[in-house]
């Protein structure tokens, strides 16, 4: 699990007795799984696709969960221009519904 992630909360809620290994980055998590340092990882579908692309020995299961979190965020400097923030939020709103599919469609181009 990524420390302080939504997935950590899901695991602690639904699998309270499961031992968790916490990592700072998804790449470290995937490498630990690929090298048999743990049994499984819980990540979103686009992250799983990227991990499998980088580590072909990994496979994705059919286990799915609903994420009720507030979602992801983009950070801007504290006193950013309000018009810039409005523009960023507009782009997020426009493309958010297609994000997961876009990642899955384009993961094949990663080397």
PDB file of N, CA and C in Angstrom:
ATOM      1  N   UNK A   1       0.834  -1.178   0.000  1.00  0.00           N
ATOM      2  CA  UNK A   1       0.000   0.000   0.000  1.00  0.00           C
ATOM      3  C   UNK A   1       0.877   1.240   0.000  1.00  0.00           C
ATOM      4  N   UNK A   2       0.350   2.255  -0.584  1.00  0.00           N
ATOM      5  CA  UNK A   2       0.997   3.557  -0.491  1.00  0.00           C
ATOM      6  C   UNK A   2       0.532   4.150   0.830  1.00  0.00           C
ATOM      7  N   UNK A   3       1.472   4.606   1.617  1.00  0.00           N
ATOM      8  CA  UNK A   3       1.164   5.158   2.933  1.00  0.00           C
ATOM      9  C   UNK A   3       0.152   6.302   2.818  1.00  0.00           C
ATOM     10  N   UNK A   4      -0.881   6.269   3.624  1.00  0.00           N
ATOM     11  CA  UNK A   4      -1.945   7.287   3.688  1.00  0.00           C
ATOM     12  C   UNK A   4      -2.802   7.332   2.425  1.00  0.00           C
ATOM     13  N   UNK A   5      -2.863   6.259   1.676  1.00  0.00           N
ATOM     14  CA  UNK A   5      -3.647   6.224   0.442  1.00  0.00           C
ATOM     15  C   UNK A   5      -5.078   5.766   0.715  1.00  0.00           C
ATOM     16  N   UNK A   6      -5.934   5.977  -0.264  1.00  0.00           N
ATOM     17  CA  UNK A   6      -7.305   5.463  -0.198  1.00  0.00           C
ATOM     18  C   UNK A   6      -7.258   3.946  -0.068  1.00  0.00           C
ATOM     19  N   UNK A   7      -6.357   3.311  -0.814  1.00  0.00           N
ATOM     20  CA  UNK A   7      -6.255   1.861  -0.785  1.00  0.00           C
ATOM     21  C   UNK A   7      -5.892   1.354   0.610  1.00  0.00           C
ATOM     22  N   UNK A   8      -5.056   2.081   1.329  1.00  0.00           N
ATOM     23  CA  UNK A   8      -4.720   1.697   2.692  1.00  0.00           C
ATOM     24  C   UNK A   8      -5.983   1.707   3.559  1.00  0.00           C
ATOM     25  N   UNK A   9      -6.801   2.725   3.402  1.00  0.00           N
ATOM     26  CA  UNK A   9      -8.054   2.811   4.156  1.00  0.00           C
ATOM     27  C   UNK A   9      -9.000   1.656   3.797  1.00  0.00           C
ATOM     28  N   UNK A  10      -9.077   1.315   2.502  1.00  0.00           N
ATOM     29  CA  UNK A  10      -9.925   0.211   2.057  1.00  0.00           C
ATOM     30  C   UNK A  10      -9.451  -1.099   2.689  1.00  0.00           C
ATOM     31  N   UNK A  11      -8.158  -1.341   2.631  1.00  0.00           N
ATOM     32  CA  UNK A  11      -7.611  -2.574   3.212  1.00  0.00           C
ATOM     33  C   UNK A  11      -7.878  -2.646   4.712  1.00  0.00           C
ATOM     34  N   UNK A  12      -7.659  -1.561   5.415  1.00  0.00           N
ATOM     35  CA  UNK A  12      -7.865  -1.566   6.853  1.00  0.00           C
ATOM     36  C   UNK A  12      -9.340  -1.758   7.209  1.00  0.00           C
ATOM     37  N   UNK A  13     -10.232  -1.272   6.371  1.00  0.00           N
ATOM     38  CA  UNK A  13     -11.669  -1.415   6.618  1.00  0.00           C
ATOM     39  C   UNK A  13     -12.148  -2.838   6.336  1.00  0.00           C
ATOM     40  N   UNK A  14     -11.790  -3.390   5.156  1.00  0.00           N
ATOM     41  CA  UNK A  14     -12.317  -4.676   4.731  1.00  0.00           C
ATOM     42  C   UNK A  14     -11.452  -5.880   5.094  1.00  0.00           C
ATOM     43  N   UNK A  15     -10.179  -5.644   5.334  1.00  0.00           N
ATOM     44  CA  UNK A  15      -9.255  -6.731   5.688  1.00  0.00           C
ATOM     45  C   UNK A  15      -8.416  -6.306   6.896  1.00  0.00           C
ATOM     46  N   UNK A  16      -9.062  -6.071   8.050  1.00  0.00           N
ATOM     47  CA  UNK A  16      -8.349  -5.502   9.200  1.00  0.00           C
ATOM     48  C   UNK A  16      -7.226  -6.375   9.751  1.00  0.00           C
ATOM     49  N   UNK A  17      -7.257  -7.669   9.497  1.00  0.00           N
ATOM     50  CA  UNK A  17      -6.215  -8.567  10.021  1.00  0.00           C
ATOM     51  C   UNK A  17      -5.071  -8.775   9.039  1.00  0.00           C
ATOM     52  N   UNK A  18      -5.211  -8.254   7.828  1.00  0.00           N
ATOM     53  CA  UNK A  18      -4.156  -8.436   6.818  1.00  0.00           C
ATOM     54  C   UNK A  18      -2.939  -7.578   7.182  1.00  0.00           C
ATOM     55  N   UNK A  19      -1.748  -8.165   7.151  1.00  0.00           N
ATOM     56  CA  UNK A  19      -0.544  -7.351   7.408  1.00  0.00           C
ATOM     57  C   UNK A  19      -0.287  -6.424   6.215  1.00  0.00           C
ATOM     58  N   UNK A  20      -0.061  -5.170   6.495  1.00  0.00           N
ATOM     59  CA  UNK A  20       0.183  -4.188   5.432  1.00  0.00           C
ATOM     60  C   UNK A  20       1.654  -3.808   5.388  1.00  0.00           C
ATOM     61  N   UNK A  21       2.158  -3.692   4.173  1.00  0.00           N
ATOM     62  CA  UNK A  21       3.488  -3.119   3.949  1.00  0.00           C
ATOM     63  C   UNK A  21       3.240  -1.782   3.270  1.00  0.00           C
ATOM     64  N   UNK A  22       3.753  -0.731   3.857  1.00  0.00           N
ATOM     65  CA  UNK A  22       3.499   0.613   3.333  1.00  0.00           C
ATOM     66  C   UNK A  22       4.713   1.134   2.583  1.00  0.00           C
ATOM     67  N   UNK A  23       4.458   1.727   1.422  1.00  0.00           N
ATOM     68  CA  UNK A  23       5.510   2.267   0.560  1.00  0.00           C
ATOM     69  C   UNK A  23       5.206   3.725   0.241  1.00  0.00           C
ATOM     70  N   UNK A  24       6.198   4.425  -0.240  1.00  0.00           N
ATOM     71  CA  UNK A  24       6.025   5.823  -0.597  1.00  0.00           C
ATOM     72  C   UNK A  24       5.658   6.034  -2.060  1.00  0.00           C
ATOM     73  N   UNK A  25       5.946   5.033  -2.924  1.00  0.00           N
ATOM     74  CA  UNK A  25       5.686   5.185  -4.364  1.00  0.00           C
ATOM     75  C   UNK A  25       5.103   3.901  -4.930  1.00  0.00           C
ATOM     76  N   UNK A  26       4.254   4.046  -5.941  1.00  0.00           N
ATOM     77  CA  UNK A  26       3.672   2.875  -6.603  1.00  0.00           C
ATOM     78  C   UNK A  26       4.729   2.004  -7.261  1.00  0.00           C
ATOM     79  N   UNK A  27       5.783   2.608  -7.762  1.00  0.00           N
ATOM     80  CA  UNK A  27       6.830   1.806  -8.409  1.00  0.00           C
ATOM     81  C   UNK A  27       7.503   0.888  -7.396  1.00  0.00           C
ATOM     82  N   UNK A  28       7.727   1.368  -6.181  1.00  0.00           N
ATOM     83  CA  UNK A  28       8.317   0.531  -5.130  1.00  0.00           C
ATOM     84  C   UNK A  28       7.363  -0.604  -4.751  1.00  0.00           C
ATOM     85  N   UNK A  29       6.088  -0.292  -4.721  1.00  0.00           N
ATOM     86  CA  UNK A  29       5.056  -1.281  -4.409  1.00  0.00           C
ATOM     87  C   UNK A  29       5.059  -2.395  -5.460  1.00  0.00           C
ATOM     88  N   UNK A  30       5.068  -2.021  -6.724  1.00  0.00           N
ATOM     89  CA  UNK A  30       5.051  -3.002  -7.810  1.00  0.00           C
ATOM     90  C   UNK A  30       6.321  -3.852  -7.814  1.00  0.00           C
ATOM     91  N   UNK A  31       7.460  -3.242  -7.554  1.00  0.00           N
ATOM     92  CA  UNK A  31       8.715  -4.003  -7.513  1.00  0.00           C
ATOM     93  C   UNK A  31       8.715  -5.006  -6.365  1.00  0.00           C
ATOM     94  N   UNK A  32       8.192  -4.606  -5.216  1.00  0.00           N
ATOM     95  CA  UNK A  32       8.120  -5.525  -4.076  1.00  0.00           C
ATOM     96  C   UNK A  32       7.234  -6.726  -4.417  1.00  0.00           C
ATOM     97  N   UNK A  33       6.125  -6.477  -5.096  1.00  0.00           N
ATOM     98  CA  UNK A  33       5.248  -7.570  -5.507  1.00  0.00           C
ATOM     99  C   UNK A  33       5.935  -8.451  -6.551  1.00  0.00           C
ATOM    100  N   UNK A  34       6.570  -7.842  -7.514  1.00  0.00           N
ATOM    101  CA  UNK A  34       7.257  -8.598  -8.576  1.00  0.00           C
ATOM    102  C   UNK A  34       8.377  -9.468  -8.017  1.00  0.00           C
ATOM    103  N   UNK A  35       8.974  -9.037  -6.897  1.00  0.00           N
ATOM    104  CA  UNK A  35      10.075  -9.795  -6.278  1.00  0.00           C
ATOM    105  C   UNK A  35       9.609 -10.627  -5.085  1.00  0.00           C
ATOM    106  N   UNK A  36       8.304 -10.903  -5.046  1.00  0.00           N
ATOM    107  CA  UNK A  36       7.720 -11.777  -4.016  1.00  0.00           C
ATOM    108  C   UNK A  36       7.966 -11.308  -2.586  1.00  0.00           C
ATOM    109  N   UNK A  37       8.042 -10.021  -2.389  1.00  0.00           N
ATOM    110  CA  UNK A  37       8.206  -9.460  -1.044  1.00  0.00           C
ATOM    111  C   UNK A  37       6.848  -9.281  -0.361  1.00  0.00           C
ATOM    112  N   UNK A  38       5.763  -9.448  -1.130  1.00  0.00           N
ATOM    113  CA  UNK A  38       4.399  -9.379  -0.611  1.00  0.00           C
ATOM    114  C   UNK A  38       3.497 -10.164  -1.543  1.00  0.00           C
ATOM    115  N   UNK A  39       2.262 -10.388  -1.112  1.00  0.00           N
ATOM    116  CA  UNK A  39       1.352 -11.255  -1.855  1.00  0.00           C
ATOM    117  C   UNK A  39       0.488 -10.537  -2.880  1.00  0.00           C
ATOM    118  N   UNK A  40       0.144  -9.272  -2.633  1.00  0.00           N
ATOM    119  CA  UNK A  40      -0.762  -8.551  -3.528  1.00  0.00           C
ATOM    120  C   UNK A  40      -0.646  -7.056  -3.262  1.00  0.00           C
ATOM    121  N   UNK A  41      -1.168  -6.263  -4.205  1.00  0.00           N
ATOM    122  CA  UNK A  41      -1.260  -4.824  -3.992  1.00  0.00           C
ATOM    123  C   UNK A  41      -2.628  -4.372  -4.468  1.00  0.00           C
ATOM    124  N   UNK A  42      -3.149  -3.363  -3.816  1.00  0.00           N
ATOM    125  CA  UNK A  42      -4.447  -2.818  -4.176  1.00  0.00           C
ATOM    126  C   UNK A  42      -4.216  -1.411  -4.705  1.00  0.00           C
ATOM    127  N   UNK A  43      -4.497  -1.217  -5.997  1.00  0.00           N
ATOM    128  CA  UNK A  43      -4.303   0.086  -6.652  1.00  0.00           C
ATOM    129  C   UNK A  43      -5.453   0.312  -7.617  1.00  0.00           C
ATOM    130  N   UNK A  44      -5.550   1.517  -8.150  1.00  0.00           N
ATOM    131  CA  UNK A  44      -6.591   1.772  -9.146  1.00  0.00           C
ATOM    132  C   UNK A  44      -6.212   1.104 -10.460  1.00  0.00           C
ATOM    133  N   UNK A  45      -7.193   0.949 -11.339  1.00  0.00           N
ATOM    134  CA  UNK A  45      -6.988   0.219 -12.597  1.00  0.00           C
ATOM    135  C   UNK A  45      -5.884   0.831 -13.463  1.00  0.00           C
ATOM    136  N   UNK A  46      -5.845   2.158 -13.665  1.00  0.00           N
ATOM    137  CA  UNK A  46      -4.749   2.705 -14.475  1.00  0.00           C
ATOM    138  C   UNK A  46      -3.363   2.426 -13.876  1.00  0.00           C
ATOM    139  N   UNK A  47      -3.251   2.500 -12.552  1.00  0.00           N
ATOM    140  CA  UNK A  47      -1.973   2.218 -11.903  1.00  0.00           C
ATOM    141  C   UNK A  47      -1.605   0.750 -12.079  1.00  0.00           C
ATOM    142  N   UNK A  48      -2.589  -0.132 -11.991  1.00  0.00           N
ATOM    143  CA  UNK A  48      -2.333  -1.561 -12.213  1.00  0.00           C
ATOM    144  C   UNK A  48      -1.835  -1.802 -13.630  1.00  0.00           C
ATOM    145  N   UNK A  49      -2.464  -1.148 -14.597  1.00  0.00           N
ATOM    146  CA  UNK A  49      -2.044  -1.311 -15.994  1.00  0.00           C
ATOM    147  C   UNK A  49      -0.593  -0.866 -16.187  1.00  0.00           C
ATOM    148  N   UNK A  50      -0.228   0.241 -15.572  1.00  0.00           N
ATOM    149  CA  UNK A  50       1.155   0.726 -15.668  1.00  0.00           C
ATOM    150  C   UNK A  50       2.127  -0.234 -14.984  1.00  0.00           C
ATOM    151  N   UNK A  51       1.739  -0.768 -13.829  1.00  0.00           N
ATOM    152  CA  UNK A  51       2.604  -1.703 -13.108  1.00  0.00           C
ATOM    153  C   UNK A  51       2.813  -2.978 -13.917  1.00  0.00           C
ATOM    154  N   UNK A  52       1.755  -3.476 -14.537  1.00  0.00           N
ATOM    155  CA  UNK A  52       1.861  -4.698 -15.347  1.00  0.00           C
ATOM    156  C   UNK A  52       2.716  -4.454 -16.580  1.00  0.00           C
ATOM    157  N   UNK A  53       2.596  -3.274 -17.168  1.00  0.00           N
ATOM    158  CA  UNK A  53       3.424  -2.931 -18.329  1.00  0.00           C
ATOM    159  C   UNK A  53       4.907  -2.946 -17.946  1.00  0.00           C
ATOM    160  N   UNK A  54       5.222  -2.416 -16.769  1.00  0.00           N
ATOM    161  CA  UNK A  54       6.617  -2.360 -16.314  1.00  0.00           C
ATOM    162  C   UNK A  54       7.103  -3.696 -15.759  1.00  0.00           C
ATOM    163  N   UNK A  55       6.189  -4.524 -15.272  1.00  0.00           N
ATOM    164  CA  UNK A  55       6.533  -5.808 -14.658  1.00  0.00           C
ATOM    165  C   UNK A  55       5.615  -6.887 -15.218  1.00  0.00           C
ATOM    166  N   UNK A  56       5.927  -7.449 -16.381  1.00  0.00           N
ATOM    167  CA  UNK A  56       5.033  -8.416 -17.038  1.00  0.00           C
ATOM    168  C   UNK A  56       4.739  -9.666 -16.218  1.00  0.00           C
ATOM    169  N   UNK A  57       5.484  -9.903 -15.139  1.00  0.00           N
ATOM    170  CA  UNK A  57       5.199 -11.069 -14.299  1.00  0.00           C
ATOM    171  C   UNK A  57       3.974 -10.842 -13.412  1.00  0.00           C
ATOM    172  N   UNK A  58       3.472  -9.612 -13.358  1.00  0.00           N
ATOM    173  CA  UNK A  58       2.293  -9.304 -12.551  1.00  0.00           C
ATOM    174  C   UNK A  58       1.027  -9.510 -13.370  1.00  0.00           C
ATOM    175  N   UNK A  59      -0.065  -9.810 -12.700  1.00  0.00           N
ATOM    176  CA  UNK A  59      -1.366  -9.948 -13.345  1.00  0.00           C
ATOM    177  C   UNK A  59      -2.413  -9.191 -12.540  1.00  0.00           C
ATOM    178  N   UNK A  60      -3.454  -8.778 -13.229  1.00  0.00           N
ATOM    179  CA  UNK A  60      -4.553  -8.060 -12.584  1.00  0.00           C
ATOM    180  C   UNK A  60      -5.677  -9.040 -12.275  1.00  0.00           C
ATOM    181  N   UNK A  61      -6.253  -8.935 -11.087  1.00  0.00           N
ATOM    182  CA  UNK A  61      -7.383  -9.781 -10.724  1.00  0.00           C
ATOM    183  C   UNK A  61      -8.689  -9.087 -11.113  1.00  0.00           C
ATOM    184  N   UNK A  62      -9.786  -9.749 -10.871  1.00  0.00           N
ATOM    185  CA  UNK A  62     -11.101  -9.167 -11.122  1.00  0.00           C
ATOM    186  C   UNK A  62     -11.674  -8.487  -9.889  1.00  0.00           C
ATOM    187  N   UNK A  63     -10.936  -8.466  -8.791  1.00  0.00           N
ATOM    188  CA  UNK A  63     -11.403  -7.813  -7.568  1.00  0.00           C
ATOM    189  C   UNK A  63     -11.531  -6.319  -7.820  1.00  0.00           C
ATOM    190  N   UNK A  64     -12.699  -5.765  -7.536  1.00  0.00           N
ATOM    191  CA  UNK A  64     -12.938  -4.330  -7.729  1.00  0.00           C
ATOM    192  C   UNK A  64     -13.543  -3.773  -6.444  1.00  0.00           C
ATOM    193  N   UNK A  65     -13.338  -2.515  -6.188  1.00  0.00           N
ATOM    194  CA  UNK A  65     -13.959  -1.840  -5.053  1.00  0.00           C
ATOM    195  C   UNK A  65     -14.377  -0.452  -5.507  1.00  0.00           C
ATOM    196  N   UNK A  66     -15.378   0.083  -4.852  1.00  0.00           N
ATOM    197  CA  UNK A  66     -15.825   1.438  -5.161  1.00  0.00           C
ATOM    198  C   UNK A  66     -15.035   2.429  -4.331  1.00  0.00           C
ATOM    199  N   UNK A  67     -14.555   3.445  -4.960  1.00  0.00           N
ATOM    200  CA  UNK A  67     -13.762   4.482  -4.297  1.00  0.00           C
ATOM    201  C   UNK A  67     -14.660   5.680  -4.022  1.00  0.00           C
ATOM    202  N   UNK A  68     -15.023   5.886  -2.744  1.00  0.00           N
ATOM    203  CA  UNK A  68     -15.886   7.014  -2.385  1.00  0.00           C
ATOM    204  C   UNK A  68     -15.079   8.255  -2.010  1.00  0.00           C
ATOM    205  N   UNK A  69     -13.784   8.222  -2.259  1.00  0.00           N
ATOM    206  CA  UNK A  69     -12.938   9.346  -1.848  1.00  0.00           C
ATOM    207  C   UNK A  69     -13.230  10.579  -2.697  1.00  0.00           C
ATOM    208  N   UNK A  70     -12.613  11.649  -2.298  1.00  0.00           N
ATOM    209  CA  UNK A  70     -12.792  12.910  -3.025  1.00  0.00           C
ATOM    210  C   UNK A  70     -12.024  12.906  -4.345  1.00  0.00           C
ATOM    211  N   UNK A  71     -11.191  11.911  -4.570  1.00  0.00           N
ATOM    212  CA  UNK A  71     -10.453  11.825  -5.822  1.00  0.00           C
ATOM    213  C   UNK A  71      -9.050  12.381  -5.719  1.00  0.00           C
ATOM    214  N   UNK A  72      -8.460  12.642  -6.853  1.00  0.00           N
ATOM    215  CA  UNK A  72      -7.096  13.139  -6.920  1.00  0.00           C
ATOM    216  C   UNK A  72      -7.086  14.663  -6.872  1.00  0.00           C
ATOM    217  N   UNK A  73      -5.901  15.223  -6.764  1.00  0.00           N
ATOM    218  CA  UNK A  73      -5.776  16.677  -6.683  1.00  0.00           C
ATOM    219  C   UNK A  73      -4.579  17.149  -7.495  1.00  0.00           C
ATOM    220  N   UNK A  74      -4.623  18.392  -7.879  1.00  0.00           N
ATOM    221  CA  UNK A  74      -3.486  19.054  -8.517  1.00  0.00           C
ATOM    222  C   UNK A  74      -3.098  20.206  -7.618  1.00  0.00           C
ATOM    223  N   UNK A  75      -1.837  20.297  -7.302  1.00  0.00           N
ATOM    224  CA  UNK A  75      -1.362  21.367  -6.424  1.00  0.00           C
ATOM    225  C   UNK A  75      -0.843  22.543  -7.248  1.00  0.00           C
ATOM    226  N   UNK A  76      -1.182  23.725  -6.801  1.00  0.00           N
ATOM    227  CA  UNK A  76      -0.683  24.971  -7.392  1.00  0.00           C
ATOM    228  C   UNK A  76      -0.057  25.799  -6.269  1.00  0.00           C
ATOM    229  N   UNK A  77       0.825  26.721  -6.604  1.00  0.00           N
ATOM    230  CA  UNK A  77       1.378  27.586  -5.563  1.00  0.00           C
ATOM    231  C   UNK A  77       0.259  28.299  -4.791  1.00  0.00           C
ATOM    232  N   UNK A  78       0.510  28.563  -3.511  1.00  0.00           N
ATOM    233  CA  UNK A  78      -0.505  29.079  -2.600  1.00  0.00           C
ATOM    234  C   UNK A  78      -1.290  30.272  -3.133  1.00  0.00           C
ATOM    235  N   UNK A  79      -0.655  31.255  -3.680  1.00  0.00           N
ATOM    236  CA  UNK A  79      -1.343  32.461  -4.135  1.00  0.00           C
ATOM    237  C   UNK A  79      -1.502  32.496  -5.653  1.00  0.00           C
ATOM    238  N   UNK A  80      -1.820  31.338  -6.227  1.00  0.00           N
ATOM    239  CA  UNK A  80      -1.992  31.272  -7.685  1.00  0.00           C
ATOM    240  C   UNK A  80      -3.159  32.133  -8.133  1.00  0.00           C
ATOM    241  N   UNK A  81      -3.028  32.618  -9.339  1.00  0.00           N
ATOM    242  CA  UNK A  81      -4.066  33.435  -9.954  1.00  0.00           C
ATOM    243  C   UNK A  81      -5.388  32.668  -9.999  1.00  0.00           C
ATOM    244  N   UNK A  82      -6.463  33.303  -9.613  1.00  0.00           N
ATOM    245  CA  UNK A  82      -7.778  32.655  -9.577  1.00  0.00           C
ATOM    246  C   UNK A  82      -8.232  32.210 -10.964  1.00  0.00           C
ATOM    247  N   UNK A  83      -7.854  32.957 -11.999  1.00  0.00           N
ATOM    248  CA  UNK A  83      -8.214  32.558 -13.363  1.00  0.00           C
ATOM    249  C   UNK A  83      -7.473  31.280 -13.770  1.00  0.00           C
ATOM    250  N   UNK A  84      -6.227  31.148 -13.332  1.00  0.00           N
ATOM    251  CA  UNK A  84      -5.473  29.925 -13.605  1.00  0.00           C
ATOM    252  C   UNK A  84      -6.147  28.742 -12.909  1.00  0.00           C
ATOM    253  N   UNK A  85      -6.506  28.904 -11.649  1.00  0.00           N
ATOM    254  CA  UNK A  85      -7.168  27.829 -10.921  1.00  0.00           C
ATOM    255  C   UNK A  85      -8.500  27.463 -11.585  1.00  0.00           C
ATOM    256  N   UNK A  86      -9.225  28.458 -12.049  1.00  0.00           N
ATOM    257  CA  UNK A  86     -10.497  28.222 -12.734  1.00  0.00           C
ATOM    258  C   UNK A  86     -10.264  27.432 -14.026  1.00  0.00           C
ATOM    259  N   UNK A  87      -9.210  27.795 -14.768  1.00  0.00           N
ATOM    260  CA  UNK A  87      -8.889  27.100 -16.021  1.00  0.00           C
ATOM    261  C   UNK A  87      -8.480  25.646 -15.748  1.00  0.00           C
ATOM    262  N   UNK A  88      -7.654  25.432 -14.737  1.00  0.00           N
ATOM    263  CA  UNK A  88      -7.218  24.070 -14.386  1.00  0.00           C
ATOM    264  C   UNK A  88      -8.433  23.232 -14.000  1.00  0.00           C
ATOM    265  N   UNK A  89      -9.298  23.772 -13.153  1.00  0.00           N
ATOM    266  CA  UNK A  89     -10.488  23.035 -12.729  1.00  0.00           C
ATOM    267  C   UNK A  89     -11.417  22.737 -13.905  1.00  0.00           C
ATOM    268  N   UNK A  90     -11.496  23.639 -14.840  1.00  0.00           N
ATOM    269  CA  UNK A  90     -12.330  23.438 -16.022  1.00  0.00           C
ATOM    270  C   UNK A  90     -11.811  22.265 -16.853  1.00  0.00           C
ATOM    271  N   UNK A  91     -10.508  22.195 -17.040  1.00  0.00           N
ATOM    272  CA  UNK A  91      -9.911  21.101 -17.804  1.00  0.00           C
ATOM    273  C   UNK A  91     -10.125  19.773 -17.074  1.00  0.00           C
ATOM    274  N   UNK A  92      -9.949  19.780 -15.753  1.00  0.00           N
ATOM    275  CA  UNK A  92     -10.180  18.559 -14.977  1.00  0.00           C
ATOM    276  C   UNK A  92     -11.620  18.092 -15.145  1.00  0.00           C
ATOM    277  N   UNK A  93     -12.561  19.002 -14.985  1.00  0.00           N
ATOM    278  CA  UNK A  93     -13.974  18.649 -15.133  1.00  0.00           C
ATOM    279  C   UNK A  93     -14.268  18.098 -16.522  1.00  0.00           C
ATOM    280  N   UNK A  94     -13.645  18.681 -17.525  1.00  0.00           N
ATOM    281  CA  UNK A  94     -13.890  18.260 -18.905  1.00  0.00           C
ATOM    282  C   UNK A  94     -13.369  16.852 -19.186  1.00  0.00           C
ATOM    283  N   UNK A  95     -12.178  16.525 -18.668  1.00  0.00           N
ATOM    284  CA  UNK A  95     -11.532  15.269 -19.034  1.00  0.00           C
ATOM    285  C   UNK A  95     -11.615  14.166 -17.984  1.00  0.00           C
ATOM    286  N   UNK A  96     -12.082  14.486 -16.798  1.00  0.00           N
ATOM    287  CA  UNK A  96     -12.131  13.500 -15.723  1.00  0.00           C
ATOM    288  C   UNK A  96     -12.884  12.225 -16.102  1.00  0.00           C
ATOM    289  N   UNK A  97     -14.036  12.312 -16.763  1.00  0.00           N
ATOM    290  CA  UNK A  97     -14.755  11.069 -17.103  1.00  0.00           C
ATOM    291  C   UNK A  97     -13.962  10.127 -18.016  1.00  0.00           C
ATOM    292  N   UNK A  98     -13.065  10.662 -18.833  1.00  0.00           N
ATOM    293  CA  UNK A  98     -12.311   9.824 -19.768  1.00  0.00           C
ATOM    294  C   UNK A  98     -10.924   9.432 -19.259  1.00  0.00           C
ATOM    295  N   UNK A  99     -10.529   9.925 -18.096  1.00  0.00           N
ATOM    296  CA  UNK A  99      -9.149   9.733 -17.631  1.00  0.00           C
ATOM    297  C   UNK A  99      -8.737   8.265 -17.573  1.00  0.00           C
ATOM    298  N   UNK A 100      -9.497   7.444 -16.844  1.00  0.00           N
ATOM    299  CA  UNK A 100      -9.107   6.043 -16.671  1.00  0.00           C
ATOM    300  C   UNK A 100      -8.992   5.326 -18.004  1.00  0.00           C
ATOM    301  N   UNK A 101      -9.940   5.533 -18.890  1.00  0.00           N
ATOM    302  CA  UNK A 101      -9.893   4.863 -20.188  1.00  0.00           C
ATOM    303  C   UNK A 101      -8.722   5.371 -21.026  1.00  0.00           C
ATOM    304  N   UNK A 102      -8.443   6.670 -20.943  1.00  0.00           N
ATOM    305  CA  UNK A 102      -7.317   7.238 -21.670  1.00  0.00           C
ATOM    306  C   UNK A 102      -6.012   6.581 -21.233  1.00  0.00           C
ATOM    307  N   UNK A 103      -5.824   6.422 -19.923  1.00  0.00           N
ATOM    308  CA  UNK A 103      -4.604   5.778 -19.419  1.00  0.00           C
ATOM    309  C   UNK A 103      -4.524   4.347 -19.926  1.00  0.00           C
ATOM    310  N   UNK A 104      -5.626   3.614 -19.824  1.00  0.00           N
ATOM    311  CA  UNK A 104      -5.618   2.217 -20.271  1.00  0.00           C
ATOM    312  C   UNK A 104      -5.352   2.099 -21.768  1.00  0.00           C
ATOM    313  N   UNK A 105      -5.909   2.997 -22.552  1.00  0.00           N
ATOM    314  CA  UNK A 105      -5.701   2.975 -23.997  1.00  0.00           C
ATOM    315  C   UNK A 105      -4.263   3.304 -24.392  1.00  0.00           C
ATOM    316  N   UNK A 106      -3.586   4.093 -23.580  1.00  0.00           N
ATOM    317  CA  UNK A 106      -2.253   4.582 -23.956  1.00  0.00           C
ATOM    318  C   UNK A 106      -1.095   3.923 -23.218  1.00  0.00           C
ATOM    319  N   UNK A 107      -1.366   3.045 -22.264  1.00  0.00           N
ATOM    320  CA  UNK A 107      -0.289   2.392 -21.537  1.00  0.00           C
ATOM    321  C   UNK A 107       0.586   1.569 -22.469  1.00  0.00           C
ATOM    322  N   UNK A 108       0.036   1.099 -23.576  1.00  0.00           N
ATOM    323  CA  UNK A 108       0.805   0.287 -24.530  1.00  0.00           C
ATOM    324  C   UNK A 108       1.973   1.071 -25.151  1.00  0.00           C
ATOM    325  N   UNK A 109       1.922   2.397 -25.097  1.00  0.00           N
ATOM    326  CA  UNK A 109       2.986   3.205 -25.697  1.00  0.00           C
ATOM    327  C   UNK A 109       4.163   3.440 -24.753  1.00  0.00           C
ATOM    328  N   UNK A 110       4.023   3.058 -23.486  1.00  0.00           N
ATOM    329  CA  UNK A 110       5.118   3.233 -22.534  1.00  0.00           C
ATOM    330  C   UNK A 110       6.211   2.223 -22.792  1.00  0.00           C
ATOM    331  N   UNK A 111       7.424   2.631 -22.574  1.00  0.00           N
ATOM    332  CA  UNK A 111       8.554   1.726 -22.776  1.00  0.00           C
ATOM    333  C   UNK A 111       9.076   1.259 -21.458  1.00  0.00           C
TER     334      UNK A 111
END
